[in-house]
Protein backbone atom coordinates (compact mmCIF):
# COMPACT_ATOMS: atom_id res chain seq x y z
CA MET A 1 -5.56 11.69 8.86
CA ASP A 2 -2.97 9.73 6.88
CA TYR A 3 -5.11 9.20 3.78
CA GLU A 4 -8.56 9.82 2.30
CA ILE A 5 -10.54 8.02 -0.40
CA LEU A 6 -11.44 10.26 -3.34
CA ASP A 7 -14.23 9.99 -5.89
CA HIS A 8 -13.07 8.48 -9.16
CA THR A 9 -15.11 7.39 -12.17
CA ALA A 10 -14.17 3.74 -12.79
CA ASP A 11 -11.56 2.85 -10.21
CA ILE A 12 -10.79 3.84 -6.66
CA CYS A 13 -8.47 6.70 -5.83
CA VAL A 14 -6.84 7.39 -2.49
CA ARG A 15 -4.93 10.48 -1.38
CA VAL A 16 -2.06 9.53 0.92
CA TYR A 17 0.02 11.78 3.18
CA GLY A 18 3.30 11.26 4.99
CA LYS A 19 5.88 13.33 6.83
CA SER A 20 8.60 11.45 4.93
CA PHE A 21 8.81 9.18 1.89
CA GLU A 22 9.08 6.19 4.23
CA GLU A 23 5.90 7.21 6.06
CA LEU A 24 4.17 7.83 2.72
CA LEU A 25 5.01 4.26 1.63
CA LYS A 26 3.66 2.75 4.84
CA ASN A 27 0.49 4.87 4.75
CA ALA A 28 -0.10 3.93 1.09
CA ALA A 29 0.18 0.24 1.95
CA ARG A 30 -2.19 0.67 4.91
CA ALA A 31 -4.68 2.52 2.70
CA MET A 32 -4.57 -0.22 0.05
CA MET A 33 -5.10 -2.91 2.67
CA ASP A 34 -7.97 -0.93 4.25
CA ILE A 35 -9.65 -0.90 0.84
CA ILE A 36 -9.25 -4.69 0.61
CA THR A 37 -10.34 -5.57 4.17
CA ASP A 38 -10.72 -4.33 7.73
CA ARG A 39 -7.08 -4.15 8.90
CA GLU A 40 -8.15 -4.01 12.55
CA LYS A 41 -9.32 -7.63 12.27
CA VAL A 42 -5.95 -8.83 10.95
CA ASN A 43 -3.64 -10.61 13.38
CA PRO A 44 -0.05 -9.56 12.55
CA SER A 45 1.27 -13.02 13.44
CA GLN A 46 3.25 -13.63 10.24
CA GLU A 47 6.09 -11.55 8.84
CA ILE A 48 6.85 -11.43 5.11
CA GLU A 49 10.02 -9.77 3.80
CA PHE A 50 10.12 -8.36 0.29
CA LYS A 51 11.79 -5.75 -1.87
CA ALA A 52 10.77 -3.32 -4.59
CA GLN A 53 12.84 -1.43 -7.12
CA GLY A 54 12.29 1.67 -9.21
CA GLU A 55 14.05 4.58 -10.85
CA THR A 56 11.92 7.33 -9.28
CA GLN A 57 10.02 7.74 -6.02
CA GLU A 58 6.77 7.25 -7.95
CA GLU A 59 8.04 3.96 -9.44
CA LEU A 60 9.25 2.82 -6.02
CA LEU A 61 5.82 3.56 -4.57
CA VAL A 62 3.96 1.64 -7.29
CA HIS A 63 6.35 -1.33 -7.15
CA TRP A 64 6.15 -1.39 -3.33
CA LEU A 65 2.35 -1.59 -3.53
CA ASP A 66 2.55 -4.10 -6.41
CA GLU A 67 4.69 -6.44 -4.27
CA ILE A 68 2.22 -6.25 -1.38
CA LEU A 69 -0.70 -6.87 -3.74
CA PHE A 70 1.15 -9.81 -5.33
CA ILE A 71 1.75 -11.43 -1.93
CA HIS A 72 -1.90 -10.82 -1.01
CA LYS A 73 -3.12 -12.51 -4.19
CA VAL A 74 -0.64 -15.40 -4.48
CA ARG A 75 -0.29 -16.31 -0.82
CA ARG A 76 -3.87 -15.32 0.09
CA MET A 77 -2.64 -13.06 2.87
CA ILE A 78 -3.83 -9.80 4.35
CA PHE A 79 -1.73 -7.36 6.33
CA ARG A 80 -2.19 -5.09 9.29
CA ASP A 81 1.03 -3.13 9.15
CA PHE A 82 4.27 -2.52 7.26
CA GLU A 83 7.87 -1.67 8.01
CA ILE A 84 10.66 -0.25 5.90
CA GLN A 85 13.96 -1.97 6.70
CA THR A 86 16.17 -0.12 4.23
CA ILE A 87 15.48 2.39 1.51
CA ASN A 88 17.66 4.16 -1.04
CA LYS A 89 17.03 5.94 -4.34
CA THR A 90 16.27 2.74 -6.29
CA GLU A 91 15.32 0.00 -3.81
CA ILE A 92 13.17 -0.66 -0.77
CA HIS A 93 13.46 -3.62 1.58
CA GLY A 94 10.40 -4.00 3.73
CA LYS A 95 8.24 -6.26 5.83
CA ALA A 96 4.51 -6.87 5.94
CA PHE A 97 2.83 -8.19 9.09
CA GLY A 98 -0.37 -10.16 8.73
CA GLU A 99 -1.94 -13.56 8.30
CA SER A 100 -3.63 -15.88 5.84
CA VAL A 101 -7.16 -14.95 4.85
CA ASP A 102 -9.72 -16.66 7.09
CA MET A 103 -13.15 -16.21 5.51
CA GLU A 104 -14.83 -16.74 8.89
CA ARG A 105 -13.02 -13.70 10.34
CA HIS A 106 -12.08 -11.58 7.32
CA GLU A 107 -14.27 -9.99 4.70
CA ILE A 108 -12.58 -9.07 1.43
CA THR A 109 -14.53 -5.90 0.64
CA MET A 110 -12.80 -4.94 -2.61
CA ASP A 111 -10.68 -6.80 -5.14
CA ILE A 112 -7.85 -4.56 -6.28
CA LYS A 113 -6.53 -5.80 -9.63
CA ALA A 114 -3.61 -3.39 -10.04
CA VAL A 115 -1.89 -0.24 -8.86
CA THR A 116 -1.83 2.29 -11.70
CA HIS A 117 0.57 5.06 -12.68
CA HIS A 118 -2.42 7.27 -13.64
CA ASN A 119 -1.56 10.91 -12.73
CA LEU A 120 0.82 9.62 -10.07
CA LYS A 121 2.99 12.44 -8.74
CA ILE A 122 4.38 12.81 -5.25
CA GLU A 123 4.03 16.43 -4.14
CA HIS A 124 5.42 18.43 -1.23
CA LEU A 125 2.81 20.20 0.91
CA GLY A 126 4.73 22.25 3.44
CA ASP A 127 6.29 19.76 5.83
CA LYS A 128 4.65 16.65 4.36
CA LEU A 129 4.24 14.68 1.14
CA LYS A 130 1.01 13.92 -0.72
CA VAL A 131 0.17 11.53 -3.54
CA ASP A 132 -3.05 10.40 -5.24
CA ILE A 133 -3.00 6.69 -6.10
CA VAL A 134 -5.52 5.09 -8.47
CA PHE A 135 -6.26 1.39 -8.02
CA ASP A 136 -7.82 -0.67 -10.80
CA ILE A 137 -10.73 -2.63 -9.29
């Protein structure tokens, strides 16, 4: 399993795993979108390019998710999958594949307001990475 939803008092928390930082980023984005809607019902017919910047891996992760959430809110889009084009210590260039929200086909199950930095720490677990992400709902 690439992620699991954890109990949290006021918000929603998800534990994400990845074999690399790149995989962790993609799995975090998939988890966030799965919280918002059923990704399996999303047609990946549109491609959106974007970038995120940060000083640490944790900042990069939050800003990556913030950019996806911003596009979701402003452009009224949902995404099925994600791709990292380039990544370095301070910047990510990526793509999101999805479509505009169609209320006849898509149910928005949860409204995520923000990605938080609450207790955010990427940890190494043997040969993979783990992070708990709290979303403000």
